[in-house]
Protein backbone atom coordinates (compact mmCIF):
# COMPACT_ATOMS: atom_id res chain seq x y z
CA MET A 1 0.00 0.00 0.00
CA ASN A 2 1.33 3.48 -0.94
CA GLN A 3 0.23 6.98 0.12
CA ASN A 4 -1.16 9.42 -2.45
CA ASN A 5 -1.96 12.90 -0.99
CA GLY A 6 -2.62 11.26 2.29
CA GLN A 7 -4.99 8.67 0.78
CA PRO A 8 -4.04 4.97 0.69
CA VAL A 9 -3.49 3.45 -2.78
CA TYR A 10 -3.71 -0.33 -3.05
CA MET A 11 -1.56 -2.00 -5.76
CA VAL A 12 -3.55 -5.08 -6.86
CA LEU A 13 -1.67 -5.73 -10.13
CA PRO A 14 2.11 -6.08 -10.37
CA GLU A 15 4.08 -2.98 -11.20
CA GLY A 16 4.48 -2.52 -14.94
CA THR A 17 1.16 -4.19 -15.84
CA ASN A 18 -0.69 -2.34 -18.59
CA ARG A 19 -4.47 -2.09 -18.36
CA ASN A 20 -7.13 -0.66 -20.65
CA THR A 21 -10.76 -0.51 -19.57
CA GLY A 22 -14.21 0.46 -20.81
CA ARG A 23 -14.74 2.06 -24.21
CA ASN A 24 -11.00 2.45 -24.76
CA ALA A 25 -10.45 -1.32 -24.49
CA GLN A 26 -13.38 -2.07 -26.80
CA ASN A 27 -12.23 0.42 -29.42
CA GLN A 28 -8.69 -0.97 -29.45
CA ASN A 29 -9.93 -4.52 -29.91
CA ILE A 30 -12.35 -3.52 -32.65
CA GLU A 31 -9.74 -1.48 -34.52
CA ALA A 32 -7.27 -4.39 -34.46
CA ALA A 33 -9.90 -6.82 -35.77
CA LYS A 34 -11.01 -4.37 -38.48
CA ILE A 35 -7.44 -4.01 -39.74
CA VAL A 36 -7.06 -7.79 -40.12
CA ALA A 37 -10.42 -8.12 -41.86
CA ALA A 38 -9.57 -5.26 -44.22
CA SER A 39 -6.30 -6.96 -45.18
CA VAL A 40 -8.17 -9.86 -46.86
CA ARG A 41 -11.19 -7.92 -48.13
CA THR A 42 -9.68 -7.25 -51.56
CA THR A 43 -9.19 -11.00 -52.14
CA LEU A 44 -12.95 -11.66 -52.16
CA GLY A 45 -14.56 -12.94 -55.35
CA PRO A 46 -13.43 -14.07 -58.79
CA LYS A 47 -11.60 -10.80 -59.41
CA GLY A 48 -10.08 -10.68 -55.95
CA MET A 49 -6.43 -9.72 -55.71
CA ASP A 50 -3.65 -12.03 -54.50
CA LYS A 51 -1.38 -11.47 -51.52
CA MET A 52 2.32 -12.26 -51.46
CA LEU A 53 3.47 -13.46 -48.05
CA VAL A 54 7.16 -13.81 -47.22
CA ASN A 55 8.17 -15.45 -43.93
CA ALA A 56 11.35 -14.96 -41.91
CA LEU A 57 13.13 -17.68 -43.91
CA GLY A 58 12.31 -16.02 -47.21
CA ASP A 59 9.73 -18.60 -48.26
CA VAL A 60 7.08 -17.07 -50.50
CA ILE A 61 3.34 -17.86 -50.60
CA ILE A 62 1.08 -16.24 -53.19
CA SER A 63 -2.60 -16.81 -52.51
CA ASN A 64 -6.05 -15.24 -52.32
CA ASP A 65 -7.33 -17.85 -49.86
CA GLY A 66 -8.45 -16.01 -46.73
CA ALA A 67 -7.49 -18.68 -44.19
CA THR A 68 -4.03 -19.14 -45.74
CA ILE A 69 -3.33 -15.41 -45.74
CA LEU A 70 -4.47 -14.86 -42.17
CA THR A 71 -2.57 -17.89 -40.89
CA GLU A 72 0.67 -16.76 -42.53
CA MET A 73 0.35 -13.14 -41.36
CA ASP A 74 1.67 -13.99 -37.86
CA VAL A 75 -0.83 -11.74 -36.07
CA ASP A 76 0.13 -10.72 -32.50
CA HIS A 77 -2.84 -8.70 -31.25
CA PRO A 78 -5.16 -10.96 -29.18
CA ALA A 79 -8.33 -9.44 -30.65
CA ALA A 80 -6.99 -9.71 -34.18
CA LYS A 81 -6.19 -13.37 -33.50
CA MET A 82 -9.90 -13.96 -32.97
CA VAL A 83 -10.53 -13.03 -36.62
CA VAL A 84 -7.83 -15.48 -37.67
CA GLU A 85 -9.34 -18.24 -35.51
CA VAL A 86 -12.81 -17.64 -36.94
CA SER A 87 -11.44 -17.93 -40.48
CA GLN A 88 -9.47 -21.07 -39.64
CA ASN A 89 -12.56 -22.62 -38.06
CA GLN A 90 -14.53 -21.87 -41.22
CA GLU A 91 -11.77 -23.57 -43.22
CA SER A 92 -11.77 -26.71 -41.09
CA GLU A 93 -15.56 -27.03 -40.81
CA VAL A 94 -16.66 -25.99 -44.30
CA GLY A 95 -13.59 -25.48 -46.47
CA ASP A 96 -14.76 -22.30 -48.20
CA GLY A 97 -16.05 -18.90 -47.12
CA THR A 98 -12.94 -18.02 -45.11
CA THR A 99 -12.69 -14.53 -46.58
CA THR A 100 -16.45 -13.98 -46.28
CA VAL A 101 -16.50 -14.71 -42.56
CA ALA A 102 -13.52 -12.42 -41.85
CA VAL A 103 -14.90 -9.54 -43.94
CA PHE A 104 -18.39 -9.86 -42.46
CA MET A 105 -17.00 -9.93 -38.92
CA GLY A 106 -14.92 -6.82 -39.60
CA GLU A 107 -17.97 -4.95 -40.92
CA LEU A 108 -20.15 -6.12 -38.02
CA LEU A 109 -17.57 -4.75 -35.57
CA LYS A 110 -17.44 -1.49 -37.50
CA LYS A 111 -21.24 -1.11 -37.23
CA SER A 112 -21.04 -1.98 -33.53
CA GLN A 113 -18.47 0.73 -32.95
CA GLU A 114 -20.68 3.32 -34.66
CA LEU A 115 -23.66 2.39 -32.49
CA MET A 116 -21.62 2.42 -29.26
CA GLU A 117 -20.52 5.96 -30.14
CA GLN A 118 -24.24 6.78 -30.07
CA ASN A 119 -24.36 5.42 -26.50
CA ILE A 120 -26.03 2.13 -27.43
CA HIS A 121 -24.94 -0.34 -24.75
CA PRO A 122 -23.07 -3.49 -25.90
CA SER A 123 -25.71 -5.66 -24.20
CA VAL A 124 -28.37 -4.21 -26.49
CA LEU A 125 -26.17 -4.89 -29.50
CA MET A 126 -25.59 -8.48 -28.42
CA ARG A 127 -29.30 -9.15 -28.02
CA GLY A 128 -30.03 -7.61 -31.40
CA PHE A 129 -27.26 -9.53 -33.14
CA ARG A 130 -28.53 -12.82 -31.75
CA LEU A 131 -32.04 -12.03 -32.97
CA ALA A 132 -30.64 -11.12 -36.39
CA ARG A 133 -28.54 -14.28 -36.56
CA ASP A 134 -31.48 -16.53 -35.69
CA LYS A 135 -33.72 -14.79 -38.21
CA SER A 136 -31.04 -15.00 -40.90
CA MET A 137 -30.86 -18.78 -40.42
CA THR A 138 -34.60 -18.97 -41.14
CA ILE A 139 -34.27 -16.74 -44.19
CA LEU A 140 -31.34 -18.75 -45.55
CA LYS A 141 -33.33 -21.96 -45.26
CA GLU A 142 -36.29 -20.38 -47.04
CA CYS A 143 -34.06 -19.16 -49.88
CA SER A 144 -32.16 -22.44 -50.29
CA THR A 145 -32.54 -25.07 -53.00
CA PRO A 146 -32.27 -28.82 -52.23
CA VAL A 147 -29.39 -30.81 -53.70
CA THR A 148 -28.57 -34.54 -53.66
CA LYS A 149 -25.77 -36.81 -54.78
CA GLU A 150 -27.62 -37.38 -58.05
CA ASP A 151 -27.60 -33.66 -58.96
CA ARG A 152 -24.22 -33.86 -60.64
CA GLU A 153 -24.54 -30.61 -62.58
CA LEU A 154 -25.40 -28.63 -59.45
CA LEU A 155 -22.45 -30.17 -57.62
CA ARG A 156 -20.23 -29.28 -60.57
CA MET A 157 -21.41 -25.66 -60.38
CA ILE A 158 -20.46 -25.57 -56.69
CA ALA A 159 -16.96 -26.72 -57.58
CA LEU A 160 -16.70 -24.22 -60.45
CA THR A 161 -17.77 -21.38 -58.15
CA ALA A 162 -15.08 -22.35 -55.63
CA LEU A 163 -12.42 -22.56 -58.36
CA THR A 164 -13.33 -19.31 -60.11
CA GLY A 165 -10.91 -16.50 -59.38
CA LYS A 166 -8.08 -18.83 -58.38
CA SER A 167 -4.79 -19.18 -60.25
CA SER A 168 -5.98 -22.59 -61.49
CA GLU A 169 -9.06 -21.06 -63.14
CA THR A 170 -7.84 -21.87 -66.65
CA SER A 171 -8.31 -25.57 -65.86
CA LYS A 172 -11.35 -25.19 -63.61
CA ASN A 173 -13.57 -27.43 -65.75
CA GLU A 174 -11.18 -30.36 -65.47
CA LEU A 175 -10.62 -29.80 -61.75
CA ALA A 176 -14.35 -29.46 -61.09
CA ASP A 177 -15.00 -32.82 -62.77
CA LEU A 178 -12.29 -34.44 -60.65
CA ALA A 179 -13.77 -32.95 -57.47
CA VAL A 180 -17.30 -34.14 -58.28
CA ASP A 181 -16.14 -37.62 -59.29
CA ALA A 182 -14.09 -37.94 -56.10
CA VAL A 183 -16.92 -36.94 -53.75
CA ILE A 184 -19.61 -38.97 -55.52
CA SER A 185 -17.44 -42.09 -55.51
CA VAL A 186 -16.99 -42.18 -51.72
CA TYR A 187 -19.83 -40.13 -50.17
CA ASP A 188 -22.32 -42.39 -48.39
CA GLY A 189 -24.54 -39.77 -46.76
CA VAL A 190 -23.35 -40.66 -43.25
CA ASN A 191 -19.58 -40.50 -42.87
CA LYS A 192 -17.34 -37.65 -43.96
CA PRO A 193 -15.75 -38.82 -47.23
CA SER A 194 -12.07 -39.69 -47.17
CA ILE A 195 -10.44 -37.82 -50.05
CA LYS A 196 -6.69 -37.31 -50.03
CA ILE A 197 -5.28 -34.47 -52.14
CA GLU A 198 -1.59 -34.61 -53.09
CA LYS A 199 0.32 -32.00 -55.11
CA LYS A 200 3.38 -32.23 -57.31
CA GLN A 201 5.04 -29.65 -59.53
CA GLY A 202 6.49 -30.39 -62.95
CA ALA A 203 3.37 -30.59 -65.15
CA GLY A 204 0.35 -28.52 -66.14
CA ILE A 205 -2.73 -28.36 -63.92
CA GLU A 206 -4.71 -30.12 -66.65
CA GLU A 207 -2.65 -33.27 -65.96
CA SER A 208 -4.18 -33.63 -62.49
CA GLU A 209 -5.88 -36.99 -61.98
CA LEU A 210 -8.27 -38.90 -59.75
CA VAL A 211 -6.98 -42.20 -58.35
CA HIS A 212 -9.52 -44.72 -57.11
CA GLY A 213 -7.23 -45.61 -54.28
CA ILE A 214 -4.45 -43.92 -52.35
CA ILE A 215 -1.35 -41.95 -53.32
CA LEU A 216 1.60 -42.22 -50.94
CA ASP A 217 4.45 -39.73 -51.04
CA LYS A 218 6.81 -42.62 -50.31
CA GLU A 219 8.67 -45.22 -52.33
CA ILE A 220 8.81 -48.99 -52.00
CA THR A 221 11.30 -49.57 -49.22
CA TYR A 222 13.73 -52.15 -50.67
CA ALA A 223 15.50 -51.76 -54.00
CA ASN A 224 15.06 -55.41 -55.04
CA MET A 225 11.32 -55.49 -54.42
CA PRO A 226 8.90 -55.38 -57.37
CA LYS A 227 7.92 -51.81 -58.26
CA VAL A 228 4.70 -52.80 -60.02
CA ILE A 229 2.31 -55.29 -58.44
CA SER A 230 -0.79 -56.28 -60.40
CA ASN A 231 -3.87 -57.65 -58.61
CA ALA A 232 -2.20 -56.79 -55.33
CA LYS A 233 -3.28 -58.56 -52.15
CA ILE A 234 -2.61 -56.01 -49.44
CA ALA A 235 -1.75 -56.46 -45.77
CA VAL A 236 -2.11 -53.36 -43.57
CA LEU A 237 -0.25 -53.56 -40.26
CA THR A 238 0.24 -51.46 -37.17
CA CYS A 239 3.02 -53.75 -36.00
CA GLY A 240 6.57 -54.07 -37.26
CA LEU A 241 8.59 -56.89 -38.78
CA GLU A 242 11.54 -56.78 -36.43
CA VAL A 243 13.05 -58.37 -33.36
CA LYS A 244 11.37 -56.74 -30.40
CA GLU A 245 13.56 -55.39 -27.65
CA GLY A 246 12.92 -56.72 -24.17
CA GLU A 247 11.02 -54.55 -21.72
CA ARG A 248 13.87 -54.91 -19.23
CA THR A 249 17.45 -53.96 -19.93
CA ALA A 250 19.70 -56.99 -20.18
CA GLU A 251 23.37 -57.55 -20.88
CA ILE A 252 24.29 -60.31 -23.30
CA ARG A 253 27.89 -61.49 -23.23
CA VAL A 254 29.27 -63.18 -26.30
CA ASN A 255 32.60 -64.90 -25.66
CA THR A 256 33.02 -67.05 -28.78
CA PRO A 257 32.26 -66.79 -32.51
CA GLU A 258 29.88 -69.71 -32.08
CA GLN A 259 27.84 -67.83 -29.49
CA LEU A 260 27.62 -64.80 -31.78
CA GLN A 261 26.51 -67.00 -34.66
CA ALA A 262 23.85 -68.62 -32.48
CA PHE A 263 22.57 -65.21 -31.39
CA LEU A 264 22.33 -63.95 -34.96
CA GLN A 265 20.71 -67.21 -36.05
CA GLN A 266 18.04 -66.78 -33.38
CA GLU A 267 17.21 -63.26 -34.60
CA SER A 268 17.09 -64.55 -38.16
CA GLU A 269 14.64 -67.29 -37.18
CA ILE A 270 12.34 -64.76 -35.51
CA LEU A 271 12.30 -62.62 -38.67
CA LYS A 272 11.78 -65.68 -40.89
CA LYS A 273 8.79 -66.69 -38.79
CA GLN A 274 7.27 -63.23 -39.14
CA VAL A 275 7.81 -63.23 -42.88
CA SER A 276 6.37 -66.75 -43.14
CA ILE A 277 3.08 -65.43 -41.70
CA ILE A 278 2.99 -62.79 -44.45
CA ILE A 279 3.70 -65.44 -47.09
CA ALA A 280 1.10 -67.84 -45.72
CA SER A 281 -1.59 -65.14 -45.89
CA GLY A 282 -0.98 -64.72 -49.61
CA ALA A 283 -0.13 -61.02 -49.33
CA THR A 284 1.89 -59.49 -52.17
CA MET A 285 2.10 -55.96 -50.71
CA VAL A 286 2.66 -54.91 -47.10
CA PHE A 287 2.02 -51.48 -45.56
CA THR A 288 2.93 -50.74 -41.94
CA ASP A 289 3.30 -47.68 -39.75
CA LYS A 290 6.16 -49.37 -37.87
CA ALA A 291 9.66 -50.49 -38.84
CA ILE A 292 10.64 -53.46 -41.00
CA ASP A 293 14.06 -54.98 -40.36
CA ASP A 294 16.42 -55.00 -43.35
CA MET A 295 16.73 -58.77 -43.09
CA ALA A 296 12.94 -59.12 -43.19
CA LEU A 297 12.89 -56.88 -46.29
CA HIS A 298 15.40 -59.25 -47.90
CA TYR A 299 13.26 -62.31 -47.13
CA LEU A 300 10.13 -60.59 -48.46
CA SER A 301 11.83 -59.51 -51.68
CA LYS A 302 13.03 -63.10 -52.32
CA ARG A 303 9.35 -64.15 -52.38
CA GLY A 304 8.36 -61.26 -54.66
CA ILE A 305 6.56 -59.35 -51.91
CA SER A 306 6.89 -55.56 -51.73
CA ALA A 307 6.59 -53.39 -48.62
CA ILE A 308 6.51 -49.80 -47.42
CA ARG A 309 7.31 -49.01 -43.80
CA ARG A 310 6.78 -46.08 -41.41
CA ILE A 311 3.59 -44.81 -43.04
CA GLY A 312 1.59 -42.17 -41.19
CA LYS A 313 -1.42 -43.30 -39.15
CA LYS A 314 -3.85 -41.32 -41.30
CA ASP A 315 -2.51 -42.95 -44.48
CA ILE A 316 -2.76 -46.40 -42.89
CA GLU A 317 -6.46 -45.77 -42.22
CA SER A 318 -6.97 -44.46 -45.76
CA ILE A 319 -5.32 -47.53 -47.30
CA SER A 320 -7.60 -49.74 -45.23
CA LYS A 321 -10.68 -47.83 -46.42
CA ALA A 322 -9.59 -47.88 -50.05
CA THR A 323 -8.55 -51.53 -50.32
CA GLY A 324 -10.87 -53.12 -47.78
CA ALA A 325 -7.94 -54.50 -45.80
CA LYS A 326 -8.35 -55.04 -42.07
CA ILE A 327 -5.81 -53.19 -39.94
CA ILE A 328 -3.80 -55.83 -38.06
CA SER A 329 -2.04 -54.96 -34.82
CA ASP A 330 -0.84 -58.51 -34.02
CA LEU A 331 0.99 -60.14 -36.91
CA GLU A 332 0.13 -63.68 -35.79
CA GLU A 333 -3.56 -62.92 -36.36
CA LEU A 334 -3.06 -62.12 -40.07
CA THR A 335 -4.99 -64.38 -42.44
CA GLU A 336 -6.05 -64.28 -46.07
CA LEU A 337 -9.45 -62.91 -45.05
CA ASP A 338 -7.77 -59.77 -43.65
CA LEU A 339 -6.18 -58.78 -46.96
CA GLY A 340 -7.33 -55.93 -49.15
CA TYR A 341 -7.24 -55.66 -52.94
CA ALA A 342 -5.96 -53.19 -55.52
CA GLY A 343 -5.82 -53.67 -59.27
CA MET A 344 -2.31 -52.27 -59.25
CA VAL A 345 0.29 -50.90 -56.86
CA GLU A 346 3.08 -49.08 -58.63
CA GLU A 347 5.99 -46.84 -57.78
CA THR A 348 6.18 -43.90 -60.19
CA ARG A 349 8.49 -40.93 -60.47
CA ILE A 350 6.46 -37.70 -60.31
CA GLY A 351 7.97 -34.22 -60.17
CA GLY A 352 11.45 -35.59 -59.54
CA GLU A 353 10.36 -37.77 -56.60
CA ASN A 354 9.16 -41.36 -56.27
CA MET A 355 5.54 -41.87 -55.21
CA THR A 356 3.49 -45.03 -54.77
CA PHE A 357 0.02 -45.31 -56.33
CA ILE A 358 -2.54 -47.81 -55.06
CA ARG A 359 -4.94 -47.94 -58.01
CA ASP A 360 -8.17 -49.56 -59.18
CA CYS A 361 -9.54 -50.56 -55.78
CA LYS A 362 -12.94 -52.28 -55.66
CA ASN A 363 -15.62 -50.00 -54.18
CA PRO A 364 -13.06 -47.83 -52.36
CA LYS A 365 -14.13 -45.85 -49.31
CA ALA A 366 -11.17 -43.53 -49.83
CA VAL A 367 -9.78 -41.96 -53.01
CA SER A 368 -6.98 -39.56 -53.92
CA ILE A 369 -6.52 -36.60 -56.23
CA LEU A 370 -3.09 -35.74 -57.61
CA VAL A 371 -2.94 -32.02 -58.39
CA ARG A 372 -0.20 -30.88 -60.73
CA GLY A 373 1.35 -27.47 -61.32
CA SER A 374 4.20 -26.15 -63.42
CA THR A 375 5.88 -24.63 -60.32
CA ASP A 376 5.66 -25.19 -56.57
CA HIS A 377 3.66 -21.97 -56.09
CA ILE A 378 1.12 -22.94 -58.75
CA ALA A 379 0.83 -26.48 -57.40
CA ASP A 380 0.29 -25.14 -53.86
CA GLU A 381 -2.46 -22.77 -54.97
CA ALA A 382 -4.06 -25.46 -57.15
CA LYS A 383 -4.19 -27.79 -54.14
CA ARG A 384 -5.83 -25.07 -52.02
CA SER A 385 -8.37 -24.52 -54.81
CA MET A 386 -9.11 -28.24 -55.02
CA ASP A 387 -9.54 -28.37 -51.24
CA ASP A 388 -12.17 -25.63 -51.52
CA ALA A 389 -13.97 -27.37 -54.38
CA VAL A 390 -14.08 -30.78 -52.68
CA LEU A 391 -15.10 -29.45 -49.28
CA GLY A 392 -17.70 -27.20 -50.90
CA ILE A 393 -19.38 -30.19 -52.53
CA VAL A 394 -19.23 -32.15 -49.26
CA ALA A 395 -20.73 -29.20 -47.34
CA ALA A 396 -23.59 -28.96 -49.86
CA LEU A 397 -24.39 -32.66 -49.51
CA GLU A 398 -24.18 -32.56 -45.70
CA LYS A 399 -26.84 -29.83 -45.47
CA GLY A 400 -28.61 -31.01 -48.62
CA SER A 401 -29.10 -27.41 -49.73
CA ILE A 402 -27.49 -24.66 -51.78
CA VAL A 403 -27.91 -20.90 -52.22
CA PHE A 404 -27.00 -18.56 -55.06
CA GLY A 405 -23.76 -16.59 -54.83
CA GLY A 406 -22.48 -13.30 -56.17
CA GLY A 407 -23.74 -11.51 -53.05
CA SER A 408 -27.34 -12.32 -54.00
CA ILE A 409 -28.11 -14.24 -50.81
CA GLU A 410 -26.54 -11.53 -48.62
CA MET A 411 -28.66 -8.86 -50.28
CA GLU A 412 -31.84 -10.90 -49.86
CA VAL A 413 -31.12 -11.73 -46.20
CA SER A 414 -30.30 -8.06 -45.58
CA ARG A 415 -33.55 -6.91 -47.19
CA ARG A 416 -35.69 -9.28 -45.15
CA LEU A 417 -33.84 -8.52 -41.90
CA LYS A 418 -34.56 -4.81 -42.27
CA ARG A 419 -38.24 -5.63 -42.60
CA TYR A 420 -37.99 -7.91 -39.56
CA ALA A 421 -36.27 -5.15 -37.55
CA ASP A 422 -39.36 -2.94 -37.89
CA SER A 423 -41.44 -5.63 -36.19
CA VAL A 424 -38.99 -5.99 -33.30
CA GLY A 425 -38.76 -2.31 -32.36
CA GLY A 426 -36.76 -0.92 -29.45
CA ARG A 427 -33.04 -0.34 -29.53
CA GLU A 428 -32.50 -3.94 -30.65
CA GLN A 429 -33.95 -2.77 -33.95
CA LEU A 430 -30.80 -0.69 -34.48
CA ALA A 431 -28.60 -3.74 -33.95
CA ILE A 432 -30.65 -5.86 -36.38
CA ASN A 433 -30.40 -3.12 -39.01
CA ALA A 434 -26.66 -2.92 -38.40
CA PHE A 435 -26.40 -6.69 -38.93
CA ALA A 436 -28.35 -6.36 -42.18
CA GLU A 437 -26.17 -3.50 -43.42
CA ALA A 438 -23.01 -5.42 -42.49
CA LEU A 439 -24.11 -8.29 -44.74
CA GLU A 440 -24.12 -5.90 -47.70
CA ILE A 441 -20.32 -5.65 -47.43
CA ILE A 442 -20.16 -8.84 -49.51
CA PRO A 443 -21.98 -7.56 -52.64
CA ARG A 444 -20.34 -4.15 -52.11
CA THR A 445 -16.85 -5.68 -52.17
CA LEU A 446 -17.70 -7.70 -55.28
CA ALA A 447 -19.03 -4.53 -56.93
CA GLU A 448 -15.82 -2.65 -56.09
CA SER A 449 -13.76 -5.37 -57.77
CA THR A 450 -15.57 -4.71 -61.07
CA GLY A 451 -14.27 -1.16 -61.29
CA ARG A 452 -17.78 0.30 -61.47
CA ASP A 453 -19.34 2.60 -58.88
CA PRO A 454 -20.36 0.20 -56.07
CA ILE A 455 -23.16 2.49 -54.87
CA ASP A 456 -24.86 2.44 -58.29
CA MET A 457 -24.55 -1.35 -58.47
CA LEU A 458 -25.96 -1.84 -54.97
CA VAL A 459 -28.92 0.41 -55.74
CA GLU A 460 -29.59 -1.59 -58.90
CA LEU A 461 -29.23 -4.86 -56.96
CA ARG A 462 -31.67 -3.70 -54.25
CA ASN A 463 -34.21 -2.75 -56.91
CA LYS A 464 -33.96 -6.24 -58.42
CA HIS A 465 -34.55 -7.89 -55.05
CA ASP A 466 -37.39 -5.51 -54.18
CA SER A 467 -39.09 -6.57 -57.41
CA GLY A 468 -38.82 -10.25 -56.42
CA GLU A 469 -35.78 -11.26 -58.49
CA THR A 470 -33.92 -12.67 -55.48
CA ALA A 471 -31.32 -14.69 -57.42
CA TYR A 472 -29.69 -11.56 -58.84
CA GLY A 473 -26.17 -10.75 -57.70
CA VAL A 474 -22.95 -9.11 -58.84
CA ASP A 475 -21.55 -10.57 -62.07
CA VAL A 476 -17.92 -9.55 -61.80
CA ASN A 477 -17.04 -10.96 -65.22
CA ASP A 478 -19.50 -8.72 -67.10
CA ASN A 479 -19.40 -5.88 -64.54
CA ALA A 480 -23.17 -6.05 -64.20
CA ILE A 481 -26.06 -7.21 -62.03
CA SER A 482 -27.11 -10.63 -63.34
CA ASP A 483 -29.12 -13.74 -62.46
CA MET A 484 -26.82 -16.03 -60.50
CA LYS A 485 -29.10 -19.00 -61.11
CA THR A 486 -28.67 -18.62 -64.86
CA LEU A 487 -24.91 -18.14 -64.50
CA GLY A 488 -24.62 -21.18 -62.21
CA VAL A 489 -22.95 -19.28 -59.35
CA ILE A 490 -23.83 -21.60 -56.46
CA GLU A 491 -22.58 -21.97 -52.91
CA PRO A 492 -23.38 -24.53 -50.19
CA LEU A 493 -25.93 -23.40 -47.62
CA LYS A 494 -23.54 -24.58 -44.89
CA THR A 495 -20.95 -22.01 -46.01
CA LYS A 496 -23.35 -19.17 -45.23
CA THR A 497 -24.92 -20.55 -42.05
CA HIS A 498 -21.54 -21.29 -40.52
CA ALA A 499 -20.04 -17.94 -41.59
CA TYR A 500 -22.92 -15.87 -40.20
CA THR A 501 -23.01 -17.84 -36.95
CA ALA A 502 -19.24 -17.82 -36.38
CA ALA A 503 -18.85 -14.11 -37.17
CA THR A 504 -21.77 -13.19 -34.90
CA GLU A 505 -20.54 -15.23 -31.94
CA ALA A 506 -16.98 -13.87 -32.27
CA THR A 507 -18.31 -10.30 -32.48
CA ILE A 508 -20.45 -10.80 -29.38
CA MET A 509 -17.48 -12.26 -27.53
CA MET A 510 -15.41 -9.20 -28.42
CA LEU A 511 -18.15 -6.77 -27.38
CA ARG A 512 -18.29 -8.41 -23.95
CA ILE A 513 -14.64 -7.46 -23.28
CA ASP A 514 -14.33 -4.16 -21.39
CA ASP A 515 -11.02 -4.77 -19.63
CA VAL A 516 -7.68 -5.73 -21.16
CA ILE A 517 -4.85 -6.53 -18.76
CA ILE A 518 -1.38 -7.09 -20.17
CA ALA A 519 1.22 -8.85 -18.06
CA LYS A 520 4.36 -6.91 -17.23
CA SER A 521 6.49 -9.55 -18.98
CA ALA A 522 5.15 -8.30 -22.31
CA THR A 523 6.59 -5.08 -23.71
CA PRO A 524 3.71 -2.72 -24.50
CA GLY A 525 3.53 -1.59 -28.09
CA PRO A 526 1.39 1.05 -29.76
CA GLY A 527 -2.01 1.29 -28.11
CA GLY A 528 -0.78 -0.54 -25.04
CA MET A 529 -0.84 -3.99 -26.67
CA PRO A 530 1.95 -6.59 -26.41
CA GLN A 531 4.89 -6.06 -28.69
CA GLN A 532 7.00 -9.00 -29.77
């Protein structure tokens, strides 16, 4: 306790701790989040700009994928990190809409800040935003169109929409077909489909291919083993082919050459027994996530059996799904009934590296897509584009519904929310209107990317929706307001529902913060925030 003009002052926090409270804390958080959202806003849409990101090692990433950009930006501000987390969550749950959720959240925070400056309490804003979110979910459902696995053309349009505006756009038709074929071949309506996407540079994007099986970025382990196995009978193991070490440490003394020979002979017999189990099962190809002793590899190769060791757990599961092989954890339990099948297993040199292809599996539950690109940067971006296309199709099938893109759905939801706000009344009405206006940042940003006056385009778009033409949105290719249904600009309903919900919840969480305390171990930077 210290004395200040005769009055006691109690020091609760350690000396050097920085603290911001009330409106000052809220404004700082909002400003930081707005800056991050603004950094990806120009990447939105087919004519969105790319960002070049260079890390401390000099590695370069060129992308217009929102989640990739935000992840690579190395954001320090805790409030700004929330925008990054929301975008990453959108990426993991849906696959697309990462820029949309960040831009919408930034605009929602901007509208919140304007209302708080008018002395609207954050609690009122939070109640209004929740009402707006719930109503928007109802509106989205009413505006959606059902889609099933049999609607191939609709699914293809979803993939094309996700691929448009990416660096791989010149080959979007071929990539869209691959994405649709991959999802349809393994989607069962219950489980999330297992689709592995690999990338390799050294060829044009149009040379990408779908493999009805699994691609491993590994080569067959032993040089003398067959590199091409037709009608492969596949054993999938989570145990090794090696002499197991004892659980207790032991010292073995070898005093004569005969004793050494006997010891080595014993190890050899153990390995021969293990290999004999493989041979007896009829397997011609072995995959394991553990080690295989070099001597065991030699014995296998003499019987024409190939093997790959130390495969990742996820790949082991994918191989099992693709080939129908049972994953065996105890080698002695392996029988012919546990084996999987592939029409061909082959080691191929792709992009200067050896890869193994497990092809032509019967009714595979897992498939792979090999994405090609002339350079590493192009291959990386093509893979990100394919991820968006595949996950977009999956998201559409999971919800069983789609909506029209080009900002058309945002404009329609905004229009109906404003009408709903009038029926709510009170100060919450202001928050609902702010939510509705924030949604219009999506068509506004698309309009800005056309080079035309965005205000004129938004007025024209509103007039279309007011007259009942709710599928109209911003056609960035023709710089006009057009029918998105006719153009085939389609997005999964899940992309929108998740984006609106995630952005709203993150905004509410940020509005609840009225006190920011920074530990003294952190060096305060501009605005009192931690500086690395």
